[in-house]
Amino acid sequence: MRILVVCAVAEEAQAIESGRSLRHELDVLVCGVGPAAAAASTARTIAENSHMGRAYDVVVNAGICGAFKGRARIGDLLIATDSVAAELGVALPSRFQPIDEIGFGTNRIGCNTVLTVAVEGVRGEILTLASITGSDELAANLAHRYPDAIGEAMEGFGVATAAQQAGLPFAEIRSVSNYIGDRDVENWDWGTALKTLTTGIREL
C-alpha cells in the first residue's frame, strides 16, 4: 500500500519517519501550516505522483495537536472519526451556523477507519482551524459547539478535501502536546507528543 502522510512542520516529519514500517510504502510531505497550504500541497503531490505512475492508495494527515480538557490528555494519540472545519459557516450573533445548514457544502469529511483499526488511542472528531484557540473562553465555546470533538489542529480538513477530490481514502491521527485554551506554552509537551506520534504511525 502506498501512503502519503502529510504533516505541517519538519519536527513532525522526523517523528513520522521514525515510525516508518516495512508493511507500507510511505511518503512524507511537509505541507506548511494551515488548511490552505495543506490542501494545495496535498493536491499537487497527489497529482504529480499519479502522473508519474506512482499513485497513492490513501492519504493520512498526522501531527501534534491540542486537546479539549476532559476529553483527552497530553501524550494521548487521537484518531479522527471526522475532520471538521470548525470555522466554515456563518458567525451569527447568537450562534455559529455551519455551512451545511445554508446549502453550500459541508464542514466535515468522514475519515477511513480501516487504516487506523489497529491504532490505539482516543477516537472522535478533530477540528481544523486557521487560528489556534488561545483562551479558555473560546475553548469552552468550541467544546460546546462540537460536543464530539476531542482536539484541534490546523491542517486536517485541507488535507481531507484534497484526498476526497482525488477519490482517495483519508485518515487523521494526532498526538496531544497541549490543552486547548489559554496559551500556557511552558506546559506544552512536544517531546512526549512526538514520541506518541511515532508509535501511532508504526501501528498503521
Protein backbone atom coordinates (compact mmCIF):
# COMPACT_ATOMS: atom_id res chain seq x y z
CA MET A 1 0.00 0.00 0.00
CA ARG A 2 1.31 3.46 -0.92
CA ILE A 3 0.53 6.03 1.74
CA LEU A 4 1.00 9.79 1.57
CA VAL A 5 1.46 11.14 5.10
CA VAL A 6 1.05 14.91 5.31
CA CYS A 7 2.32 16.99 8.22
CA ALA A 8 2.87 20.70 8.85
CA VAL A 9 6.47 21.01 10.09
CA ALA A 10 9.84 19.25 9.96
CA GLU A 11 9.74 18.06 13.58
CA GLU A 12 6.55 16.12 12.86
CA ALA A 13 8.11 14.67 9.69
CA GLN A 14 11.07 13.35 11.70
CA ALA A 15 8.72 11.64 14.17
CA ILE A 16 6.77 10.11 11.29
CA GLU A 17 9.94 8.84 9.61
CA SER A 18 10.92 7.17 12.88
CA GLY A 19 7.68 5.18 12.77
CA ARG A 20 8.10 4.00 9.19
CA SER A 21 7.05 0.36 8.72
CA LEU A 22 8.01 -2.21 6.10
CA ARG A 23 4.31 -3.07 5.72
CA HIS A 24 3.66 0.04 3.64
CA GLU A 25 5.39 2.29 1.13
CA LEU A 26 5.22 5.66 2.80
CA ASP A 27 5.96 9.18 1.52
CA VAL A 28 6.11 12.11 3.94
CA LEU A 29 5.04 15.58 2.78
CA VAL A 30 5.73 18.71 4.85
CA CYS A 31 2.93 20.98 3.65
CA GLY A 32 3.31 24.05 5.85
CA VAL A 33 0.91 25.42 8.45
CA GLY A 34 -2.81 25.95 7.91
CA PRO A 35 -5.64 24.47 5.85
CA ALA A 36 -4.92 26.37 2.63
CA ALA A 37 -1.27 25.30 2.44
CA ALA A 38 -2.27 21.76 3.40
CA ALA A 39 -4.91 21.47 0.67
CA ALA A 40 -2.71 22.97 -2.05
CA SER A 41 0.40 20.94 -1.23
CA THR A 42 -1.52 17.69 -0.86
CA ALA A 43 -3.42 18.16 -4.13
CA ARG A 44 -0.22 18.97 -6.03
CA THR A 45 1.63 15.96 -4.60
CA ILE A 46 -1.23 13.55 -5.35
CA ALA A 47 -1.42 14.81 -8.94
CA GLU A 48 2.34 14.76 -9.57
CA ASN A 49 2.75 11.21 -8.30
CA SER A 50 -0.28 9.98 -10.22
CA HIS A 51 1.16 11.40 -13.45
CA MET A 52 4.45 9.59 -12.74
CA GLY A 53 2.64 6.27 -12.31
CA ARG A 54 3.14 6.30 -8.53
CA ALA A 55 -0.46 6.82 -7.44
CA TYR A 56 -1.28 6.75 -3.74
CA ASP A 57 -3.79 4.37 -2.15
CA VAL A 58 -4.55 6.50 0.89
CA VAL A 59 -3.75 9.89 2.44
CA VAL A 60 -3.07 10.46 6.14
CA ASN A 61 -2.75 13.75 7.99
CA ALA A 62 -0.53 13.32 11.04
CA GLY A 63 0.99 15.68 13.56
CA ILE A 64 0.60 17.19 17.00
CA CYS A 65 -2.49 18.98 18.30
CA GLY A 66 -4.29 20.49 21.23
CA ALA A 67 -6.93 18.51 23.15
CA PHE A 68 -10.09 19.55 24.94
CA LYS A 69 -9.69 19.13 28.70
CA GLY A 70 -11.66 16.16 29.97
CA ARG A 71 -11.79 14.51 26.54
CA ALA A 72 -8.10 13.62 26.09
CA ARG A 73 -4.80 14.12 27.90
CA ILE A 74 -1.35 15.37 26.95
CA GLY A 75 0.55 12.48 25.38
CA ASP A 76 -2.59 10.75 24.08
CA LEU A 77 -2.96 9.70 20.46
CA LEU A 78 -6.13 10.98 18.79
CA ILE A 79 -7.75 9.15 15.87
CA ALA A 80 -10.27 11.20 13.92
CA THR A 81 -13.71 9.87 13.09
CA ASP A 82 -14.35 13.08 11.14
CA SER A 83 -12.24 16.06 10.14
CA VAL A 84 -14.31 19.18 10.84
CA ALA A 85 -13.72 22.72 9.54
CA ALA A 86 -14.82 24.46 12.73
CA GLU A 87 -14.87 27.98 11.25
CA LEU A 88 -16.59 27.18 7.93
CA GLY A 89 -20.02 28.79 8.14
CA VAL A 90 -21.68 31.95 9.43
CA ALA A 91 -20.94 33.60 12.79
CA LEU A 92 -24.41 34.77 13.83
CA PRO A 93 -24.92 36.98 16.92
CA SER A 94 -26.48 34.12 18.89
CA ARG A 95 -24.73 31.05 17.47
CA PHE A 96 -22.44 29.62 14.80
CA GLN A 97 -24.22 28.28 11.72
CA PRO A 98 -22.24 25.53 9.91
CA ILE A 99 -22.09 25.81 6.15
CA ASP A 100 -24.12 22.58 5.93
CA GLU A 101 -27.20 24.47 7.13
CA ILE A 102 -27.10 27.06 4.34
CA GLY A 103 -26.66 24.64 1.46
CA PHE A 104 -23.11 25.48 0.34
CA GLY A 105 -21.37 22.20 1.07
CA THR A 106 -20.24 20.63 4.30
CA ASN A 107 -17.80 21.42 7.07
CA ARG A 108 -16.96 17.78 7.80
CA ILE A 109 -15.32 14.88 5.99
CA GLY A 110 -15.55 11.36 7.38
CA CYS A 111 -12.31 9.50 8.00
CA ASN A 112 -11.48 6.00 6.82
CA THR A 113 -11.37 3.72 9.86
CA VAL A 114 -9.86 0.63 8.21
CA LEU A 115 -6.32 2.02 8.15
CA THR A 116 -6.47 3.04 11.82
CA VAL A 117 -8.30 -0.01 13.18
CA ALA A 118 -5.14 -1.28 14.93
CA VAL A 119 -4.11 2.14 16.23
CA GLU A 120 -4.69 2.62 19.94
CA GLY A 121 -5.94 5.98 21.11
CA VAL A 122 -8.88 8.29 21.71
CA ARG A 123 -11.41 8.46 18.86
CA GLY A 124 -13.60 11.42 17.96
CA GLU A 125 -13.83 14.49 15.77
CA ILE A 126 -10.71 16.59 15.22
CA LEU A 127 -11.38 20.24 14.43
CA THR A 128 -9.46 22.22 11.81
CA LEU A 129 -8.99 25.95 12.40
CA ALA A 130 -6.96 28.63 10.63
CA SER A 131 -6.01 30.11 14.01
CA ILE A 132 -5.06 28.37 17.24
CA THR A 133 -7.59 28.78 20.06
CA GLY A 134 -5.86 30.99 22.62
CA SER A 135 -8.29 31.43 25.52
CA ASP A 136 -10.31 29.24 27.85
CA GLU A 137 -13.48 31.14 26.87
CA LEU A 138 -13.01 30.35 23.17
CA ALA A 139 -12.14 26.75 24.00
CA ALA A 140 -15.34 26.35 26.01
CA ASN A 141 -17.35 27.79 23.12
CA LEU A 142 -15.79 25.35 20.66
CA ALA A 143 -16.32 22.42 23.01
CA HIS A 144 -19.99 23.37 23.34
CA ARG A 145 -20.47 23.72 19.57
CA TYR A 146 -18.73 20.40 18.89
CA PRO A 147 -19.51 18.00 21.76
CA ASP A 148 -17.89 15.06 19.95
CA ALA A 149 -14.64 16.88 19.23
CA ILE A 150 -11.54 15.72 21.06
CA GLY A 151 -8.88 18.03 19.62
CA GLU A 152 -7.98 20.85 17.26
CA ALA A 153 -5.25 21.38 14.68
CA MET A 154 -4.75 23.46 11.53
CA GLU A 155 -4.40 21.14 8.51
CA GLY A 156 -6.78 18.17 8.66
CA PHE A 157 -9.75 19.46 6.67
CA GLY A 158 -7.45 20.85 3.98
CA VAL A 159 -5.70 17.51 3.51
CA ALA A 160 -9.05 15.69 3.67
CA THR A 161 -10.51 17.93 0.95
CA ALA A 162 -7.60 17.23 -1.40
CA ALA A 163 -7.87 13.48 -0.75
CA GLN A 164 -11.64 13.48 -1.22
CA GLN A 165 -11.45 15.34 -4.53
CA ALA A 166 -8.83 12.84 -5.74
CA GLY A 167 -11.09 9.93 -4.73
CA LEU A 168 -8.69 8.68 -2.06
CA PRO A 169 -9.45 7.41 1.46
CA PHE A 170 -8.36 9.78 4.23
CA ALA A 171 -7.36 9.33 7.86
CA GLU A 172 -6.15 11.76 10.52
CA ILE A 173 -4.10 10.88 13.59
CA ARG A 174 -2.62 13.37 16.02
CA SER A 175 -0.77 13.33 19.31
CA VAL A 176 -1.58 15.79 22.07
CA SER A 177 1.08 18.32 23.07
CA ASN A 178 -1.18 20.73 24.99
CA TYR A 179 -4.68 21.57 26.14
CA ILE A 180 -6.84 23.93 24.10
CA GLY A 181 -7.30 27.32 25.78
CA ASP A 182 -5.04 29.89 27.44
CA ARG A 183 -1.58 29.72 25.87
CA ASP A 184 0.39 28.19 28.73
CA VAL A 185 3.27 27.30 26.41
CA GLU A 186 5.61 26.35 29.27
CA ASN A 187 3.43 23.31 29.98
CA TRP A 188 3.25 22.12 26.38
CA ASP A 189 5.00 18.78 25.86
CA TRP A 190 6.25 18.47 22.29
CA GLY A 191 8.73 15.72 23.19
CA THR A 192 6.12 13.32 24.52
CA ALA A 193 3.71 14.18 21.72
CA LEU A 194 6.28 13.46 19.02
CA LYS A 195 7.15 10.09 20.59
CA THR A 196 3.44 9.21 20.66
CA LEU A 197 3.15 10.23 17.01
CA THR A 198 5.96 7.82 16.08
CA THR A 199 4.10 4.99 17.82
CA GLY A 200 0.87 5.85 16.05
CA ILE A 201 2.48 5.79 12.60
CA ARG A 202 4.09 2.43 13.41
CA GLU A 203 0.63 0.98 14.22
CA LEU A 204 -0.97 1.92 10.87
